[in-house]
Protein backbone atom coordinates (compact mmCIF):
# COMPACT_ATOMS: atom_id res chain seq x y z
CA MET A 1 0.38 0.48 -0.03
CA ARG A 2 1.06 3.54 -0.70
CA MET A 3 2.04 6.11 1.56
CA ARG A 4 0.06 9.07 1.02
CA SER A 5 2.23 12.25 2.05
CA GLY A 6 -0.38 15.01 4.01
CA TRP A 7 2.32 17.28 5.00
CA ILE A 8 2.30 20.46 2.99
CA LEU A 9 5.44 21.16 1.12
CA ALA A 10 5.06 25.29 0.94
CA ALA A 11 6.57 28.22 0.95
CA ALA A 12 4.64 30.98 2.88
CA ILE A 13 3.81 34.63 1.81
CA THR A 14 3.50 37.61 4.50
CA VAL A 15 1.01 39.88 4.94
CA VAL A 16 3.07 42.70 3.24
CA LEU A 17 3.26 40.78 0.06
CA THR A 18 -0.51 40.84 -0.55
CA ALA A 19 -0.18 41.56 -4.52
CA ILE A 20 0.86 37.82 -6.10
CA SER A 21 0.45 37.36 -9.68
CA PRO A 22 0.03 33.57 -10.43
CA GLY A 23 3.28 31.86 -11.79
CA VAL A 24 5.32 33.89 -9.82
CA SER A 25 7.81 32.07 -7.91
CA PHE A 26 8.37 32.45 -4.15
CA ALA A 27 12.09 32.55 -2.91
CA ALA A 28 12.78 32.61 1.05
CA ALA A 29 16.49 33.22 2.42
CA GLU A 30 15.82 30.27 4.56
CA ILE A 31 13.26 26.72 4.96
CA SER A 32 12.54 25.28 7.78
CA SER A 33 11.75 21.49 7.94
CA ASN A 34 8.93 19.99 9.46
CA ALA A 35 8.33 16.20 8.39
CA GLY A 36 7.40 17.44 4.70
CA HIS A 37 6.18 20.80 5.30
CA PHE A 38 8.60 23.44 4.02
CA VAL A 39 7.59 26.61 5.15
CA ALA A 40 9.36 30.37 5.32
CA GLY A 41 7.84 33.03 7.33
CA PRO A 42 6.21 33.23 10.44
CA PHE A 43 2.48 31.45 10.76
CA ALA A 44 1.14 34.23 12.29
CA THR A 45 1.16 36.63 9.27
CA THR A 46 0.57 34.01 6.62
CA THR A 47 -2.30 34.61 4.59
CA LEU A 48 -1.21 32.90 1.30
CA VAL A 49 1.21 29.79 0.55
CA SER A 50 2.32 28.21 -2.41
CA SER A 51 2.64 24.40 -2.17
CA SER A 52 3.70 22.05 -4.31
CA ASN A 53 1.26 19.06 -3.21
CA TRP A 54 -1.72 20.75 -1.55
CA ALA A 55 -4.60 23.35 -2.69
CA GLY A 56 -7.03 24.66 -0.01
CA TYR A 57 -7.09 26.20 3.49
CA ALA A 58 -5.87 25.77 6.98
CA ALA A 59 -6.90 27.89 9.93
CA LEU A 60 -4.00 27.67 12.37
CA GLY A 61 -4.62 27.92 16.26
CA SER A 62 -2.36 27.29 19.53
CA THR A 63 -1.07 23.94 20.39
CA GLY A 64 -3.73 21.21 21.84
CA THR A 65 -7.09 23.88 20.29
CA VAL A 66 -7.81 21.75 17.43
CA THR A 67 -10.43 19.37 18.32
CA LYS A 68 -12.81 19.26 14.95
CA VAL A 69 -12.93 19.72 11.25
CA SER A 70 -15.33 19.29 9.05
CA GLY A 71 -16.11 19.37 5.42
CA THR A 72 -18.66 18.66 2.26
CA TRP A 73 -17.41 18.33 -1.33
CA VAL A 74 -18.74 16.93 -4.33
CA GLU A 75 -16.18 14.17 -5.96
CA PRO A 76 -14.68 15.75 -9.18
CA LYS A 77 -14.67 13.76 -12.37
CA ILE A 78 -11.85 13.01 -13.60
CA SER A 79 -9.76 12.83 -17.02
CA CYS A 80 -8.01 9.76 -17.48
CA SER A 81 -4.73 9.88 -20.34
CA SER A 82 -3.32 6.37 -21.94
CA GLY A 83 -0.25 6.13 -20.07
CA LYS A 84 -0.33 8.66 -17.55
CA THR A 85 -0.76 7.62 -13.76
CA THR A 86 -2.34 10.52 -11.63
CA ASP A 87 -4.17 11.03 -8.81
CA VAL A 88 -6.13 13.49 -6.79
CA ALA A 89 -7.03 13.27 -3.03
CA THR A 90 -9.85 15.32 -1.55
CA TRP A 91 -9.61 15.47 2.49
CA VAL A 92 -10.14 16.97 5.90
CA GLY A 93 -7.43 16.93 9.02
CA ILE A 94 -6.17 17.70 12.25
CA ASP A 95 -2.58 18.54 12.03
CA GLY A 96 0.16 18.40 9.02
CA TYR A 97 0.63 22.21 8.48
CA SER A 98 2.92 22.83 10.80
CA SER A 99 3.69 19.59 12.64
CA ASN A 100 4.69 15.93 12.13
CA ASP A 101 1.73 13.96 12.39
CA LEU A 102 -1.73 14.32 10.48
CA VAL A 103 -4.75 12.65 11.23
CA GLN A 104 -7.49 12.52 7.80
CA THR A 105 -10.17 11.01 5.78
CA GLY A 106 -11.25 11.96 2.32
CA ALA A 107 -12.08 9.94 -1.55
CA SER A 108 -9.39 9.84 -4.13
CA GLY A 109 -9.85 9.55 -7.74
CA ASP A 110 -6.60 7.77 -9.64
CA CYS A 111 -5.50 7.16 -12.93
CA ASN A 112 -3.62 4.02 -14.15
CA ALA A 113 -3.49 3.08 -17.98
CA GLY A 114 -6.08 5.33 -18.80
CA SER A 115 -8.40 3.72 -16.30
CA SER A 116 -10.14 5.64 -13.49
CA SER A 117 -10.83 4.49 -9.58
CA TYR A 118 -12.45 6.19 -6.81
CA TYR A 119 -12.49 5.27 -3.52
CA ALA A 120 -12.04 6.45 0.18
CA TRP A 121 -9.86 6.18 2.77
CA TRP A 122 -8.61 7.11 6.06
CA GLU A 123 -4.93 7.55 7.67
CA VAL A 124 -2.89 8.60 10.99
CA LEU A 125 0.35 9.39 9.44
CA PRO A 126 3.34 8.10 9.83
CA SER A 127 1.38 4.75 9.03
CA PRO A 128 0.10 4.59 5.31
CA GLU A 129 -3.37 5.11 4.25
CA THR A 130 -6.40 2.75 4.76
CA THR A 131 -8.86 2.15 2.18
CA ILE A 132 -12.30 1.87 3.48
CA SER A 133 -13.58 -1.48 2.11
CA GLY A 134 -17.23 -1.94 0.68
CA PHE A 135 -17.22 2.19 0.49
CA THR A 136 -18.05 3.20 -3.13
CA VAL A 137 -17.01 6.38 -4.31
CA HIS A 138 -18.27 7.65 -7.71
CA SER A 139 -17.47 11.43 -9.58
CA GLY A 140 -20.55 13.62 -8.36
CA ASP A 141 -21.17 12.29 -5.39
CA LYS A 142 -22.09 14.44 -1.92
CA ILE A 143 -19.25 13.42 0.51
CA THR A 144 -19.08 14.60 4.15
CA ALA A 145 -16.07 13.94 5.68
CA THR A 146 -15.16 15.11 9.97
CA VAL A 147 -12.25 14.47 12.46
CA THR A 148 -12.76 14.86 15.82
CA TYR A 149 -10.60 14.63 18.83
CA SER A 150 -12.03 13.63 22.42
CA THR A 151 -10.78 15.66 25.21
CA THR A 152 -12.78 13.53 27.59
CA THR A 153 -11.58 9.96 25.77
CA HIS A 154 -8.50 11.61 24.30
CA LYS A 155 -9.29 9.62 21.02
CA PHE A 156 -9.57 10.91 17.42
CA THR A 157 -12.63 9.95 15.37
CA MET A 158 -12.84 9.57 11.68
CA THR A 159 -16.22 9.98 9.67
CA ILE A 160 -16.57 9.72 6.18
CA LYS A 161 -20.27 9.54 4.59
CA ASP A 162 -21.55 9.43 1.04
CA GLY A 163 -25.26 8.96 0.72
CA THR A 164 -26.45 6.08 2.51
CA GLN A 165 -22.95 5.20 3.20
CA SER A 166 -20.92 5.91 6.57
CA PHE A 167 -17.83 4.58 7.91
CA SER A 168 -16.52 6.04 11.40
CA LYS A 169 -13.19 4.74 12.49
CA THR A 170 -11.98 5.79 16.42
CA LYS A 171 -8.09 5.78 17.29
CA SER A 172 -5.54 6.68 20.29
CA VAL A 173 -2.86 9.04 18.53
CA SER A 174 0.17 9.89 20.48
CA GLY A 175 1.93 12.63 19.93
CA THR A 176 -0.51 15.00 18.41
CA TYR A 177 -0.11 19.08 18.21
CA ARG A 178 -3.61 19.52 17.11
CA ASP A 179 -2.78 22.93 16.08
CA SER A 180 -4.13 22.74 12.29
CA ALA A 181 -7.75 22.00 10.22
CA GLU A 182 -7.65 21.56 7.23
CA CYS A 183 -9.79 21.03 4.11
CA ILE A 184 -7.59 19.95 1.30
CA VAL A 185 -7.03 19.08 -2.62
CA GLU A 186 -3.56 16.96 -2.73
CA ARG A 187 -1.89 14.77 -5.19
CA ASP A 188 0.24 11.99 -3.27
CA THR A 189 4.29 11.77 -2.50
CA VAL A 190 5.23 8.16 -3.06
CA GLY A 191 8.73 7.07 -2.54
CA GLY A 192 9.44 10.61 -1.84
CA THR A 193 8.07 11.90 -5.60
CA LEU A 194 4.83 13.98 -6.27
CA ASN A 195 2.68 12.47 -8.06
CA HIS A 196 0.84 14.09 -11.32
CA LEU A 197 -2.37 15.71 -10.44
CA SER A 198 -5.30 13.94 -12.03
CA LYS A 199 -7.39 16.10 -14.04
CA PHE A 200 -10.40 17.59 -13.19
CA LYS A 201 -12.27 20.83 -13.87
CA THR A 202 -12.55 22.10 -10.66
CA ASP A 203 -13.00 20.36 -6.61
CA SER A 204 -15.79 22.29 -4.66
CA PHE A 205 -16.32 22.67 -1.21
CA SER A 206 -19.57 23.66 -0.04
CA SER A 207 -18.69 23.42 3.33
CA CYS A 208 -15.52 23.23 5.57
CA THR A 209 -15.79 24.09 9.05
CA ALA A 210 -13.55 23.62 12.58
CA THR A 211 -13.60 24.06 16.39
CA ILE A 212 -10.41 25.54 17.54
CA GLY A 213 -10.11 26.57 20.79
CA GLY A 214 -13.88 25.84 21.94
CA THR A 215 -14.75 28.43 19.13
CA SER A 216 -16.93 26.78 15.87
CA GLY A 217 -17.28 28.47 12.77
CA GLY A 218 -16.33 28.02 8.95
CA ILE A 219 -12.41 27.80 8.13
CA GLY A 220 -12.15 31.24 7.36
CA SER A 221 -13.37 32.89 10.49
CA PHE A 222 -10.23 31.83 12.51
CA ALA A 223 -7.71 34.50 13.38
CA THR A 224 -5.07 32.78 11.38
CA VAL A 225 -6.46 31.06 7.88
CA SER A 226 -4.03 30.16 5.35
CA GLN A 227 -5.32 29.90 1.49
CA ILE A 228 -2.84 27.01 -0.37
CA ASP A 229 -2.15 27.40 -4.13
CA MET A 230 -0.75 24.13 -5.14
CA TYR A 231 2.60 25.01 -7.65
CA ASN A 232 5.23 22.91 -9.58
CA GLY A 233 8.12 25.99 -8.98
CA SER A 234 6.17 28.65 -10.96
CA THR A 235 3.69 26.52 -12.73
CA ALA A 236 0.20 26.79 -11.38
CA VAL A 237 -0.84 23.15 -10.76
CA ALA A 238 -4.11 23.79 -8.64
CA LEU A 239 -5.80 27.51 -7.56
CA THR A 240 -7.98 28.09 -4.97
CA GLY A 241 -10.48 30.24 -5.08
CA SER A 242 -11.53 32.41 -2.20
CA LEU A 243 -14.26 32.08 0.44
CA ALA A 244 -17.13 32.69 0.49
CA SER A 245 -19.36 33.02 3.78
CA ASN A 246 -15.99 31.64 5.51
CA THR A 247 -16.81 28.48 4.47
CA SER A 248 -17.17 27.23 0.61
CA PHE A 249 -14.14 27.41 -1.87
CA THR A 250 -13.26 25.67 -5.54
CA VAL A 251 -10.07 24.59 -6.61
CA THR A 252 -9.28 25.19 -10.04
CA TRP A 253 -6.97 22.12 -11.89
CA LYS A 254 -4.54 23.68 -13.33
CA SER A 255 -2.13 21.06 -14.88
CA TYR A 256 -0.64 17.73 -14.03
CA GLY A 257 2.13 19.18 -12.58
């Protein structure tokens, strides 16, 4: 089974750099590494992030404050080309933005030898993803995924629903920071190499919400929020649109990467 890299690989843009044109590469004097998340600049001033594997939104909090993230999206229809191996994963998760850990669940659309396949999964890094057996996913499905942390049992619960289908997994996870909540469109990293992003028109979250420090709201309602665009160097791979009502947004495919 492949290992999914849920960590963001990014260069952060500070508030003072508000006018960024698509296609401009982002330089940083020093890049710090957090198990796959490469970021420059203080998180407190980050508003726009360029990542090689993530697109979407992340809300950041103090350590131990994130207890829930939930997202609803329409599974995008992917177009497969003969001879091209690609993937796209749409998911919600706690952590992974600025820490080594990540608890996540979502759905993927893969292309292999010109054929497409869709499936749901859950994952607790650093272990590989687990495909959810018997859970059928098709393009156009409306999917809702949630990750919660219980301050009573100190366990995480990953839940995903698609029509009448529902799956839930509860696990004890040690060493979590619980300092970020994300709704993300991702291309996988396998063996340290980024896959091509499956071709789709748009991947849209109709809702992305979180609970941080006991306050619940749309992902854009928190004090520190990162909007993440996916780039391969200076080439746009997937671009994230602005938030509507602090909770909904669309990611648009631009290139395989």
